[in-house]
Amino acid sequence: MSHHYLQFDRVGYRYPGGREALHGVSLRITHGEKVALVGANGTGKSTLLLLAAGLLLPTEGEVSVGGIGLTPRTLPIVRQTVGLVFQNPDHQLFMPTVEEDVAFGPANMGLTPEEIEARVTAALESVGALHLRKESPCRLSGGQKRSAAIATVLAMEPSVLVLDEPTSDLDPRARRQTLELLKRFSHTMLVATHDMEMARELCSRMIVLRDGAIAADGATETLFRDTDLLDACGLEPPCRMR
């Protein structure tokens, strides 16, 4: 069985204070799919990503990755299988050098020094940041930080990659570089974004959230042409489709 798929079955999540963030969410993302997750602020996108990565446990329904249900017992397996790139790269870069940040995950997997070195080199090469390995993360540009943060996740060799607003706060050049980087990945990928141009260019499928539930799930181009749906969900189509 492939580990490269992600499944939600009637998933709900309620925060400890009582706020319901998601309800009745069912979806399946299969091997190699690149899927955009869109919706207005507060619709549950980030919560869904945290559930996918095993940083939250559902209060209703089941999340599974490659057939492994998400439970307290399976958390270590799921967290190795799903790699999460946070919206703010500073949340993933905390070591003195980029190299040490990228090595942190593999080191905690109990790999040998040789295996760790190989993973660090491969991850940094894949994001075009090998020349930054000895740099301090605090001295990097926004785009460089984003690349380094993605490398920290890739070094864990996840089967599923989930990203929260990967192009936010980037200048046009850094945005383009990040988009080209994501296009090259063969991972199963779920991307929460407000960047409609990126969603259209990167993802052939799009899931629209509204009030914590799935309002639509289908081909990106088709959903972008549904003006009634977009308007009801507080979304705008990409500029080139207006």
Protein backbone atom coordinates (compact mmCIF):
# COMPACT_ATOMS: atom_id res chain seq x y z
CA MET A 1 0.00 0.00 0.00
CA SER A 2 1.30 3.46 -0.91
CA HIS A 3 2.06 5.82 1.96
CA HIS A 4 1.59 8.79 -0.35
CA TYR A 5 -2.09 9.44 0.26
CA LEU A 6 -4.05 11.41 2.80
CA GLN A 7 -7.63 10.71 3.82
CA PHE A 8 -10.20 12.47 6.03
CA ASP A 9 -13.43 10.66 6.91
CA ARG A 10 -16.17 12.92 8.39
CA VAL A 11 -13.54 14.82 10.36
CA GLY A 12 -14.42 17.51 12.86
CA TYR A 13 -12.30 19.55 15.21
CA ARG A 14 -13.36 21.68 18.16
CA TYR A 15 -10.77 23.74 20.05
CA PRO A 16 -10.62 23.43 23.87
CA GLY A 17 -12.44 26.74 24.28
CA GLY A 18 -15.41 25.30 22.38
CA ARG A 19 -14.93 26.90 18.95
CA GLU A 20 -15.71 24.47 16.13
CA ALA A 21 -13.10 24.85 13.40
CA LEU A 22 -14.06 21.94 11.11
CA HIS A 23 -17.06 19.64 10.74
CA GLY A 24 -17.93 16.77 8.42
CA VAL A 25 -14.76 17.03 6.30
CA SER A 26 -14.18 14.07 3.97
CA LEU A 27 -11.46 14.04 1.32
CA ARG A 28 -8.82 11.81 -0.22
CA ILE A 29 -5.61 13.05 -1.80
CA THR A 30 -3.78 10.38 -3.78
CA HIS A 31 -0.18 9.68 -4.75
CA GLY A 32 1.41 12.60 -6.59
CA GLU A 33 -1.60 14.95 -6.50
CA LYS A 34 -1.02 18.64 -5.91
CA VAL A 35 -4.12 20.10 -4.26
CA ALA A 36 -4.87 23.71 -3.33
CA LEU A 37 -6.84 24.38 -0.15
CA VAL A 38 -8.56 27.76 -0.35
CA GLY A 39 -11.11 29.75 1.61
CA ALA A 40 -11.57 33.03 3.42
CA ASN A 41 -9.78 33.67 6.71
CA GLY A 42 -11.14 31.60 9.58
CA THR A 43 -12.61 28.80 7.45
CA GLY A 44 -10.36 26.09 8.94
CA LYS A 45 -7.49 25.78 6.46
CA SER A 46 -4.67 25.88 9.00
CA THR A 47 -6.57 23.54 11.34
CA LEU A 48 -6.96 21.03 8.52
CA LEU A 49 -3.21 21.15 7.84
CA LEU A 50 -2.39 20.64 11.53
CA LEU A 51 -4.66 17.59 11.58
CA ALA A 52 -3.03 16.23 8.43
CA ALA A 53 0.41 16.54 10.01
CA GLY A 54 -0.63 14.97 13.31
CA LEU A 55 -0.16 18.16 15.34
CA LEU A 56 -3.84 17.98 16.29
CA LEU A 57 -6.08 14.95 16.78
CA PRO A 58 -9.64 15.07 15.39
CA THR A 59 -12.50 15.39 17.85
CA GLU A 60 -14.74 13.60 15.32
CA GLY A 61 -14.06 11.19 12.45
CA GLU A 62 -10.73 9.80 11.33
CA VAL A 63 -7.60 11.08 9.61
CA SER A 64 -5.38 8.46 7.96
CA VAL A 65 -2.13 8.58 6.05
CA GLY A 66 -1.35 5.65 3.79
CA GLY A 67 -3.89 3.54 5.64
CA ILE A 68 -2.53 4.40 9.11
CA GLY A 69 -5.19 6.02 11.28
CA LEU A 70 -4.12 9.04 13.30
CA THR A 71 -4.17 8.14 17.02
CA PRO A 72 -1.91 9.00 19.96
CA ARG A 73 -0.09 5.69 19.37
CA THR A 74 0.57 6.31 15.67
CA LEU A 75 1.60 9.97 15.98
CA PRO A 76 5.35 9.29 15.51
CA ILE A 77 4.69 7.38 12.27
CA VAL A 78 2.30 9.97 10.87
CA ARG A 79 4.60 12.86 11.73
CA GLN A 80 7.43 11.19 9.82
CA THR A 81 5.14 10.51 6.86
CA VAL A 82 3.65 14.01 6.58
CA GLY A 83 5.91 17.06 6.41
CA LEU A 84 4.42 20.44 7.35
CA VAL A 85 5.90 23.74 6.19
CA PHE A 86 4.55 26.54 8.40
CA GLN A 87 3.46 29.91 7.05
CA ASN A 88 6.20 31.68 9.03
CA PRO A 89 9.59 30.07 8.25
CA ASP A 90 10.99 31.44 11.52
CA HIS A 91 8.91 28.77 13.27
CA GLN A 92 11.13 26.12 11.65
CA LEU A 93 14.52 27.87 11.72
CA PHE A 94 15.97 28.08 15.22
CA MET A 95 19.51 26.67 15.04
CA PRO A 96 22.72 28.73 14.58
CA THR A 97 23.12 27.65 10.93
CA VAL A 98 20.90 26.48 8.09
CA GLU A 99 22.83 23.22 7.98
CA GLU A 100 22.03 22.50 11.62
CA ASP A 101 18.36 23.32 11.10
CA VAL A 102 18.09 20.88 8.18
CA ALA A 103 19.98 18.21 10.14
CA PHE A 104 17.75 18.53 13.22
CA GLY A 105 14.94 16.26 12.01
CA PRO A 106 17.11 13.46 10.61
CA ALA A 107 19.25 13.54 13.76
CA ASN A 108 16.14 12.95 15.87
CA MET A 109 15.26 9.98 13.67
CA GLY A 110 18.38 8.23 14.92
CA LEU A 111 20.22 8.24 11.59
CA THR A 112 23.98 7.87 11.33
CA PRO A 113 26.15 10.97 10.77
CA GLU A 114 26.74 9.83 7.19
CA GLU A 115 23.03 9.45 6.54
CA ILE A 116 22.30 12.83 8.10
CA GLU A 117 24.95 14.52 5.95
CA ALA A 118 23.54 12.91 2.81
CA ARG A 119 20.01 14.05 3.62
CA VAL A 120 21.10 17.61 4.44
CA THR A 121 23.01 17.91 1.17
CA ALA A 122 20.19 16.43 -0.91
CA ALA A 123 17.51 18.62 0.71
CA LEU A 124 19.49 21.84 0.30
CA GLU A 125 20.38 20.97 -3.29
CA SER A 126 16.72 20.30 -4.11
CA VAL A 127 15.74 23.83 -3.04
CA GLY A 128 18.80 25.51 -4.57
CA ALA A 129 20.20 26.50 -1.17
CA LEU A 130 23.34 24.42 -0.80
CA HIS A 131 25.41 27.61 -0.74
CA LEU A 132 23.49 28.74 2.36
CA ARG A 133 24.34 25.75 4.55
CA LYS A 134 26.77 27.64 6.80
CA GLU A 135 24.67 30.81 6.96
CA SER A 136 22.72 31.99 9.98
CA PRO A 137 18.95 31.83 9.28
CA CYS A 138 18.48 35.32 10.76
CA ARG A 139 20.67 36.76 7.98
CA LEU A 140 18.63 35.26 5.13
CA SER A 141 16.13 37.01 2.89
CA GLY A 142 12.45 36.04 3.01
CA GLY A 143 12.78 33.78 -0.04
CA GLN A 144 15.93 32.15 1.30
CA LYS A 145 14.24 31.47 4.63
CA ARG A 146 11.32 29.86 2.82
CA SER A 147 13.68 27.60 0.87
CA ALA A 148 15.57 26.64 4.02
CA ALA A 149 12.31 25.88 5.87
CA ILE A 150 11.17 23.61 3.03
CA ALA A 151 14.57 21.87 3.12
CA THR A 152 14.14 21.10 6.84
CA VAL A 153 11.00 19.17 5.96
CA LEU A 154 12.38 17.47 2.85
CA ALA A 155 15.33 16.13 4.86
CA MET A 156 12.80 13.98 6.73
CA GLU A 157 11.82 12.42 3.38
CA PRO A 158 8.04 12.74 3.91
CA SER A 159 5.55 10.95 1.68
CA VAL A 160 3.05 13.83 1.90
CA LEU A 161 3.99 17.51 1.94
CA VAL A 162 1.58 20.11 3.36
CA LEU A 163 2.31 23.82 3.18
CA ASP A 164 0.62 26.80 4.80
CA GLU A 165 0.71 29.94 2.62
CA PRO A 166 4.13 29.19 1.04
CA THR A 167 4.21 32.43 -0.99
CA SER A 168 2.96 34.88 1.65
CA ASP A 169 5.10 37.96 2.30
CA LEU A 170 7.46 37.15 -0.59
CA ASP A 171 8.57 39.65 -3.20
CA PRO A 172 7.73 38.75 -6.84
CA ARG A 173 11.11 37.14 -7.54
CA ALA A 174 11.11 35.02 -4.37
CA ARG A 175 7.50 34.03 -5.05
CA ARG A 176 8.39 32.85 -8.54
CA GLN A 177 11.39 30.88 -7.23
CA THR A 178 9.24 29.20 -4.57
CA LEU A 179 6.57 28.32 -7.13
CA GLU A 180 9.14 26.80 -9.49
CA LEU A 181 10.59 24.84 -6.58
CA LEU A 182 7.20 23.38 -5.66
CA LYS A 183 6.48 22.46 -9.27
CA ARG A 184 9.54 20.21 -9.30
CA PHE A 185 8.47 18.13 -6.31
CA SER A 186 6.88 14.76 -6.99
CA HIS A 187 5.40 14.59 -3.48
CA THR A 188 1.74 14.33 -2.74
CA MET A 189 1.08 17.94 -1.83
CA LEU A 190 -1.65 19.93 -0.06
CA VAL A 191 -1.19 23.70 -0.17
CA ALA A 192 -3.30 26.15 1.84
CA THR A 193 -3.14 29.50 0.09
CA HIS A 194 -4.75 32.87 -0.64
CA ASP A 195 -2.55 33.14 -3.76
CA MET A 196 -5.07 32.25 -6.45
CA GLU A 197 -2.53 32.61 -9.26
CA MET A 198 -0.29 30.05 -7.53
CA ALA A 199 -3.22 27.69 -6.93
CA ARG A 200 -4.07 27.82 -10.62
CA GLU A 201 -0.50 27.33 -11.82
CA LEU A 202 0.57 24.65 -9.34
CA CYS A 203 -2.52 22.58 -8.52
CA SER A 204 -4.87 20.78 -10.88
CA ARG A 205 -7.35 20.18 -8.05
CA MET A 206 -8.80 22.63 -5.54
CA ILE A 207 -10.73 22.20 -2.30
CA VAL A 208 -12.80 25.19 -1.14
CA LEU A 209 -13.58 25.56 2.57
CA ARG A 210 -16.48 27.59 3.90
CA ASP A 211 -17.43 27.81 7.59
CA GLY A 212 -15.33 24.78 8.48
CA ALA A 213 -16.77 22.48 5.81
CA ILE A 214 -15.96 21.61 2.20
CA ALA A 215 -17.99 23.82 -0.11
CA ALA A 216 -16.49 22.41 -3.31
CA ASP A 217 -13.84 19.93 -4.45
CA GLY A 218 -12.91 19.66 -8.09
CA ALA A 219 -10.75 20.73 -11.00
CA THR A 220 -9.10 24.09 -10.28
CA GLU A 221 -9.97 25.66 -13.63
CA THR A 222 -13.61 24.57 -13.33
CA LEU A 223 -14.06 25.95 -9.82
CA PHE A 224 -12.42 29.25 -10.73
CA ARG A 225 -15.11 29.71 -13.39
CA ASP A 226 -17.90 29.22 -10.84
CA THR A 227 -18.39 32.86 -9.94
CA ASP A 228 -21.37 32.16 -7.67
CA LEU A 229 -19.30 29.72 -5.61
CA LEU A 230 -16.34 32.09 -5.36
CA ASP A 231 -18.55 35.00 -4.36
CA ALA A 232 -20.34 32.94 -1.69
CA CYS A 233 -16.99 31.85 -0.24
CA GLY A 234 -15.41 35.31 -0.26
CA LEU A 235 -12.88 34.45 -2.98
CA GLU A 236 -11.65 36.15 -6.14
CA PRO A 237 -10.55 34.35 -9.31
CA PRO A 238 -7.00 34.82 -10.62
CA CYS A 239 -6.51 38.12 -12.41
CA ARG A 240 -6.16 36.48 -15.83
CA MET A 241 -9.63 34.93 -15.53
CA ARG A 242 -11.48 38.14 -14.68
